[in-house]
Amino acid sequence: MPGYGGSGADHWQTHWERELPATRFRPASWDEADAQDWADALTRAVEDEEGPAVLVAHSLGCLAAASWLAEQGPGEVVGALLVAVPDPAGPAFPASATAGGFRVVRCRLPVPVTVVVSDDDPYASADWTRGLAAAWGAEVVGIGAAGHVNGASGLGAWPAGRKILRRVSPAAPPRRRPAAR
């Protein structure tokens, strides 16, 4: 689940999508983000897959994933890795995402969640992110100064992130891609 604008070629999510059994959810627009559209896209992505799912979200995708889990319940979702959660009240948060209805849920989420926090993320302070993670009942993994943990952070395929992902989903069996039609 990329964030606002999608995840470009240098983003760790794009590397992971190529390397892992993964499906990128597909909202109508990455740049004119709408919370309901993103929730519907997530529902379709989870329903289209076979077996249990682990959500891997970045930035605005984290807010969409948390809201979806709080409203829909876990269904086939067995865990979530939420990386670089943005603060909608922060000065760097995209105005169009605010208009699109993205909000912060502050309740315990119904699946195990790990939140990855960077000390110098321009979209949210580490303290704000840690407080939100506590409300979600999430484990927090601090990764030091890594910016917004995106393509500009220079992480490439982000092998350290893959280790965190394995901790989030050790019991989840490998996902199978649906057969081509």
C-alpha atoms as a PDB file:
ATOM      1  CA  MET A   1       0.000   0.000   0.000  1.00  0.00           C
ATOM      2  CA  PRO A   2       2.000   2.974  -1.237  1.00  0.00           C
ATOM      3  CA  GLY A   3       1.257   6.446  -0.008  1.00  0.00           C
ATOM      4  CA  TYR A   4       0.354   9.677  -1.720  1.00  0.00           C
ATOM      5  CA  GLY A   5       1.721   9.743  -5.259  1.00  0.00           C
ATOM      6  CA  GLY A   6       2.416   5.977  -5.294  1.00  0.00           C
ATOM      7  CA  SER A   7       5.842   4.431  -4.836  1.00  0.00           C
ATOM      8  CA  GLY A   8       8.302   5.056  -7.636  1.00  0.00           C
ATOM      9  CA  ALA A   9      10.979   2.816  -9.124  1.00  0.00           C
ATOM     10  CA  ASP A  10      13.515   3.521  -6.346  1.00  0.00           C
ATOM     11  CA  HIS A  11      11.070   2.915  -3.487  1.00  0.00           C
ATOM     12  CA  TRP A  12      11.541  -0.198  -1.343  1.00  0.00           C
ATOM     13  CA  GLN A  13       7.886  -1.146  -1.902  1.00  0.00           C
ATOM     14  CA  THR A  14       8.472  -1.365  -5.646  1.00  0.00           C
ATOM     15  CA  HIS A  15      11.492  -3.613  -5.060  1.00  0.00           C
ATOM     16  CA  TRP A  16       9.487  -5.804  -2.687  1.00  0.00           C
ATOM     17  CA  GLU A  17       6.588  -6.046  -5.109  1.00  0.00           C
ATOM     18  CA  ARG A  18       8.954  -7.468  -7.729  1.00  0.00           C
ATOM     19  CA  GLU A  19      10.742  -9.800  -5.291  1.00  0.00           C
ATOM     20  CA  LEU A  20       7.949 -11.123  -3.062  1.00  0.00           C
ATOM     21  CA  PRO A  21       4.573 -12.646  -3.643  1.00  0.00           C
ATOM     22  CA  ALA A  22       2.856  -9.277  -3.318  1.00  0.00           C
ATOM     23  CA  THR A  23      -0.032  -7.372  -4.805  1.00  0.00           C
ATOM     24  CA  ARG A  24      -0.108  -3.576  -4.918  1.00  0.00           C
ATOM     25  CA  PHE A  25      -3.521  -2.181  -4.182  1.00  0.00           C
ATOM     26  CA  ARG A  26      -4.823   0.099  -6.941  1.00  0.00           C
ATOM     27  CA  PRO A  27      -6.891   3.146  -5.992  1.00  0.00           C
ATOM     28  CA  ALA A  28      -8.351   5.295  -8.774  1.00  0.00           C
ATOM     29  CA  SER A  29      -5.727   7.988  -8.139  1.00  0.00           C
ATOM     30  CA  TRP A  30      -2.470   8.213  -6.217  1.00  0.00           C
ATOM     31  CA  ASP A  31      -2.426  12.019  -6.513  1.00  0.00           C
ATOM     32  CA  GLU A  32      -6.075  12.878  -5.865  1.00  0.00           C
ATOM     33  CA  ALA A  33      -6.329  10.570  -2.904  1.00  0.00           C
ATOM     34  CA  ASP A  34      -9.778   9.769  -1.545  1.00  0.00           C
ATOM     35  CA  ALA A  35     -10.126   7.740   1.653  1.00  0.00           C
ATOM     36  CA  GLN A  36     -13.212   5.817   0.519  1.00  0.00           C
ATOM     37  CA  ASP A  37     -11.662   4.964  -2.838  1.00  0.00           C
ATOM     38  CA  TRP A  38      -8.489   3.739  -1.093  1.00  0.00           C
ATOM     39  CA  ALA A  39     -10.575   1.632   1.330  1.00  0.00           C
ATOM     40  CA  ASP A  40     -12.476   0.100  -1.592  1.00  0.00           C
ATOM     41  CA  ALA A  41      -9.192  -0.616  -3.400  1.00  0.00           C
ATOM     42  CA  LEU A  42      -7.841  -2.347  -0.298  1.00  0.00           C
ATOM     43  CA  THR A  43     -10.984  -4.444   0.014  1.00  0.00           C
ATOM     44  CA  ARG A  44     -10.626  -5.543  -3.619  1.00  0.00           C
ATOM     45  CA  ALA A  45      -6.926  -6.366  -3.173  1.00  0.00           C
ATOM     46  CA  VAL A  46      -7.552  -8.487  -0.069  1.00  0.00           C
ATOM     47  CA  GLU A  47     -10.548 -10.256  -1.637  1.00  0.00           C
ATOM     48  CA  ASP A  48      -8.612 -11.005  -4.848  1.00  0.00           C
ATOM     49  CA  GLU A  49      -5.873 -12.853  -2.968  1.00  0.00           C
ATOM     50  CA  GLU A  50      -6.019 -16.386  -1.635  1.00  0.00           C
ATOM     51  CA  GLY A  51      -5.267 -17.062   2.001  1.00  0.00           C
ATOM     52  CA  PRO A  52      -4.061 -14.777   4.769  1.00  0.00           C
ATOM     53  CA  ALA A  53      -2.658 -11.347   3.979  1.00  0.00           C
ATOM     54  CA  VAL A  54      -0.149  -9.044   5.646  1.00  0.00           C
ATOM     55  CA  LEU A  55      -0.640  -5.369   4.841  1.00  0.00           C
ATOM     56  CA  VAL A  56       2.577  -3.495   4.071  1.00  0.00           C
ATOM     57  CA  ALA A  57       1.809   0.201   3.985  1.00  0.00           C
ATOM     58  CA  HIS A  58       3.841   3.370   3.587  1.00  0.00           C
ATOM     59  CA  SER A  59       2.869   6.924   4.508  1.00  0.00           C
ATOM     60  CA  LEU A  60      -0.737   7.735   3.566  1.00  0.00           C
ATOM     61  CA  GLY A  61      -1.264   4.011   2.949  1.00  0.00           C
ATOM     62  CA  CYS A  62      -0.743   3.557   6.718  1.00  0.00           C
ATOM     63  CA  LEU A  63      -3.685   5.812   7.533  1.00  0.00           C
ATOM     64  CA  ALA A  64      -5.805   3.980   4.958  1.00  0.00           C
ATOM     65  CA  ALA A  65      -4.787   0.574   6.321  1.00  0.00           C
ATOM     66  CA  ALA A  66      -5.430   1.496   9.960  1.00  0.00           C
ATOM     67  CA  SER A  67      -8.852   3.001   9.170  1.00  0.00           C
ATOM     68  CA  TRP A  68      -9.783  -0.028   7.073  1.00  0.00           C
ATOM     69  CA  LEU A  69      -8.745  -2.461   9.824  1.00  0.00           C
ATOM     70  CA  ALA A  70     -10.639  -0.473  12.462  1.00  0.00           C
ATOM     71  CA  GLU A  71     -13.811  -0.321  10.338  1.00  0.00           C
ATOM     72  CA  GLN A  72     -13.759  -3.626   8.444  1.00  0.00           C
ATOM     73  CA  GLY A  73     -12.101  -5.912  10.960  1.00  0.00           C
ATOM     74  CA  PRO A  74      -9.267  -8.236  10.053  1.00  0.00           C
ATOM     75  CA  GLY A  75     -11.007 -10.640   7.657  1.00  0.00           C
ATOM     76  CA  GLU A  76      -8.123 -12.431   5.918  1.00  0.00           C
ATOM     77  CA  VAL A  77      -5.560  -9.921   7.212  1.00  0.00           C
ATOM     78  CA  VAL A  78      -3.244 -11.422   9.843  1.00  0.00           C
ATOM     79  CA  GLY A  79      -0.863  -8.514  10.418  1.00  0.00           C
ATOM     80  CA  ALA A  80       0.345  -5.136   9.242  1.00  0.00           C
ATOM     81  CA  LEU A  81       3.664  -3.390   8.752  1.00  0.00           C
ATOM     82  CA  LEU A  82       3.084   0.369   8.742  1.00  0.00           C
ATOM     83  CA  VAL A  83       6.081   2.460   7.702  1.00  0.00           C
ATOM     84  CA  ALA A  84       6.428   6.256   8.078  1.00  0.00           C
ATOM     85  CA  VAL A  85       2.913   7.063   9.296  1.00  0.00           C
ATOM     86  CA  PRO A  86       2.183  10.720   8.422  1.00  0.00           C
ATOM     87  CA  ASP A  87       0.589  13.258  10.762  1.00  0.00           C
ATOM     88  CA  PRO A  88      -2.411  14.855   8.966  1.00  0.00           C
ATOM     89  CA  ALA A  89      -2.071  17.909  11.221  1.00  0.00           C
ATOM     90  CA  GLY A  90       1.585  18.331  10.264  1.00  0.00           C
ATOM     91  CA  PRO A  91       2.696  21.118   7.931  1.00  0.00           C
ATOM     92  CA  ALA A  92       4.017  18.741   5.235  1.00  0.00           C
ATOM     93  CA  PHE A  93       0.815  16.679   4.925  1.00  0.00           C
ATOM     94  CA  PRO A  94      -0.669  17.024   1.395  1.00  0.00           C
ATOM     95  CA  ALA A  95      -3.725  19.305   1.375  1.00  0.00           C
ATOM     96  CA  SER A  96      -5.490  17.086  -1.185  1.00  0.00           C
ATOM     97  CA  ALA A  97      -5.193  14.099   1.173  1.00  0.00           C
ATOM     98  CA  THR A  98      -6.838  16.136   3.946  1.00  0.00           C
ATOM     99  CA  ALA A  99      -9.632  17.001   1.532  1.00  0.00           C
ATOM    100  CA  GLY A 100      -9.845  13.326   0.595  1.00  0.00           C
ATOM    101  CA  GLY A 101     -11.048  12.398   4.064  1.00  0.00           C
ATOM    102  CA  PHE A 102      -8.023  10.581   5.468  1.00  0.00           C
ATOM    103  CA  ARG A 103      -8.133  10.511   9.242  1.00  0.00           C
ATOM    104  CA  VAL A 104      -6.293   9.026  12.163  1.00  0.00           C
ATOM    105  CA  VAL A 105      -8.041   6.253  14.060  1.00  0.00           C
ATOM    106  CA  ARG A 106      -6.992   5.959  17.687  1.00  0.00           C
ATOM    107  CA  CYS A 107      -8.115   2.531  18.727  1.00  0.00           C
ATOM    108  CA  ARG A 108      -6.477  -0.837  19.194  1.00  0.00           C
ATOM    109  CA  LEU A 109      -6.229  -2.501  15.785  1.00  0.00           C
ATOM    110  CA  PRO A 110      -7.555  -6.073  15.452  1.00  0.00           C
ATOM    111  CA  VAL A 111      -4.316  -7.643  14.158  1.00  0.00           C
ATOM    112  CA  PRO A 112      -0.663  -7.515  15.214  1.00  0.00           C
ATOM    113  CA  VAL A 113       0.844  -4.292  13.905  1.00  0.00           C
ATOM    114  CA  THR A 114       4.428  -3.085  13.671  1.00  0.00           C
ATOM    115  CA  VAL A 115       5.053   0.606  13.087  1.00  0.00           C
ATOM    116  CA  VAL A 116       8.416   1.681  11.673  1.00  0.00           C
ATOM    117  CA  VAL A 117       9.480   5.169  12.716  1.00  0.00           C
ATOM    118  CA  SER A 118      12.287   7.376  11.414  1.00  0.00           C
ATOM    119  CA  ASP A 119      13.755  10.001  13.735  1.00  0.00           C
ATOM    120  CA  ASP A 120      13.789  12.692  11.037  1.00  0.00           C
ATOM    121  CA  ASP A 121      10.612  12.008   9.053  1.00  0.00           C
ATOM    122  CA  PRO A 122       9.394  15.377   7.734  1.00  0.00           C
ATOM    123  CA  TYR A 123       5.780  14.150   7.762  1.00  0.00           C
ATOM    124  CA  ALA A 124       5.554  13.216  11.463  1.00  0.00           C
ATOM    125  CA  SER A 125       7.626  13.507  14.597  1.00  0.00           C
ATOM    126  CA  ALA A 126       8.902  10.299  16.142  1.00  0.00           C
ATOM    127  CA  ASP A 127       7.044  11.133  19.369  1.00  0.00           C
ATOM    128  CA  TRP A 128       3.731  11.618  17.534  1.00  0.00           C
ATOM    129  CA  THR A 129       4.207   8.327  15.685  1.00  0.00           C
ATOM    130  CA  ARG A 130       5.099   6.435  18.864  1.00  0.00           C
ATOM    131  CA  GLY A 131       1.987   7.806  20.599  1.00  0.00           C
ATOM    132  CA  LEU A 132      -0.235   6.700  17.718  1.00  0.00           C
ATOM    133  CA  ALA A 133       1.409   3.269  17.665  1.00  0.00           C
ATOM    134  CA  ALA A 134       0.610   2.920  21.372  1.00  0.00           C
ATOM    135  CA  ALA A 135      -3.067   3.680  20.670  1.00  0.00           C
ATOM    136  CA  TRP A 136      -3.042   0.992  17.969  1.00  0.00           C
ATOM    137  CA  GLY A 137      -1.420  -1.525  20.316  1.00  0.00           C
ATOM    138  CA  ALA A 138       1.474  -1.735  17.881  1.00  0.00           C
ATOM    139  CA  GLU A 139       5.100  -2.680  18.296  1.00  0.00           C
ATOM    140  CA  VAL A 140       7.413   0.197  17.351  1.00  0.00           C
ATOM    141  CA  VAL A 141      10.679  -0.287  15.484  1.00  0.00           C
ATOM    142  CA  GLY A 142      12.888   2.787  15.339  1.00  0.00           C
ATOM    143  CA  ILE A 143      15.315   2.913  12.425  1.00  0.00           C
ATOM    144  CA  GLY A 144      17.212   6.105  13.225  1.00  0.00           C
ATOM    145  CA  ALA A 145      17.406   8.951  10.734  1.00  0.00           C
ATOM    146  CA  ALA A 146      15.916   7.641   7.476  1.00  0.00           C
ATOM    147  CA  GLY A 147      13.794  10.560   6.325  1.00  0.00           C
ATOM    148  CA  HIS A 148      10.371   9.513   5.084  1.00  0.00           C
ATOM    149  CA  VAL A 149      11.620   5.962   4.412  1.00  0.00           C
ATOM    150  CA  ASN A 150      10.952   6.373   0.704  1.00  0.00           C
ATOM    151  CA  GLY A 151      12.890   6.403  -2.552  1.00  0.00           C
ATOM    152  CA  ALA A 152      14.603   9.667  -1.583  1.00  0.00           C
ATOM    153  CA  SER A 153      15.936   7.953   1.555  1.00  0.00           C
ATOM    154  CA  GLY A 154      18.218   5.828  -0.640  1.00  0.00           C
ATOM    155  CA  LEU A 155      17.221   2.526   0.968  1.00  0.00           C
ATOM    156  CA  GLY A 156      16.900   0.598  -2.304  1.00  0.00           C
ATOM    157  CA  ALA A 157      15.334  -2.806  -1.619  1.00  0.00           C
ATOM    158  CA  TRP A 158      15.726  -2.091   2.133  1.00  0.00           C
ATOM    159  CA  PRO A 159      16.967  -5.465   3.412  1.00  0.00           C
ATOM    160  CA  ALA A 160      16.594  -4.329   7.042  1.00  0.00           C
ATOM    161  CA  GLY A 161      12.925  -3.693   6.334  1.00  0.00           C
ATOM    162  CA  ARG A 162      12.552  -7.222   4.970  1.00  0.00           C
ATOM    163  CA  LYS A 163      13.861  -8.516   8.318  1.00  0.00           C
ATOM    164  CA  ILE A 164      11.186  -6.481  10.091  1.00  0.00           C
ATOM    165  CA  LEU A 165       8.567  -7.887   7.700  1.00  0.00           C
ATOM    166  CA  ARG A 166       9.630 -11.451   8.547  1.00  0.00           C
ATOM    167  CA  ARG A 167       9.041 -10.651  12.217  1.00  0.00           C
ATOM    168  CA  VAL A 168       5.555  -9.357  11.390  1.00  0.00           C
ATOM    169  CA  SER A 169       4.511 -12.377   9.367  1.00  0.00           C
ATOM    170  CA  PRO A 170       6.526 -15.454  10.413  1.00  0.00           C
ATOM    171  CA  ALA A 171       3.456 -17.692  10.617  1.00  0.00           C
ATOM    172  CA  ALA A 172       1.745 -16.464   7.474  1.00  0.00           C
ATOM    173  CA  PRO A 173       2.173 -18.933   4.618  1.00  0.00           C
ATOM    174  CA  PRO A 174       3.495 -17.622   1.293  1.00  0.00           C
ATOM    175  CA  ARG A 175       0.800 -15.902  -0.758  1.00  0.00           C
ATOM    176  CA  ARG A 176      -0.126 -17.318  -4.139  1.00  0.00           C
ATOM    177  CA  ARG A 177      -0.869 -15.026  -7.013  1.00  0.00           C
ATOM    178  CA  PRO A 178      -4.178 -15.695  -8.729  1.00  0.00           C
ATOM    179  CA  ALA A 179      -3.825 -17.546 -12.014  1.00  0.00           C
ATOM    180  CA  ALA A 180      -3.782 -15.364 -15.123  1.00  0.00           C
ATOM    181  CA  ARG A 181      -7.123 -15.187 -16.844  1.00  0.00           C
END
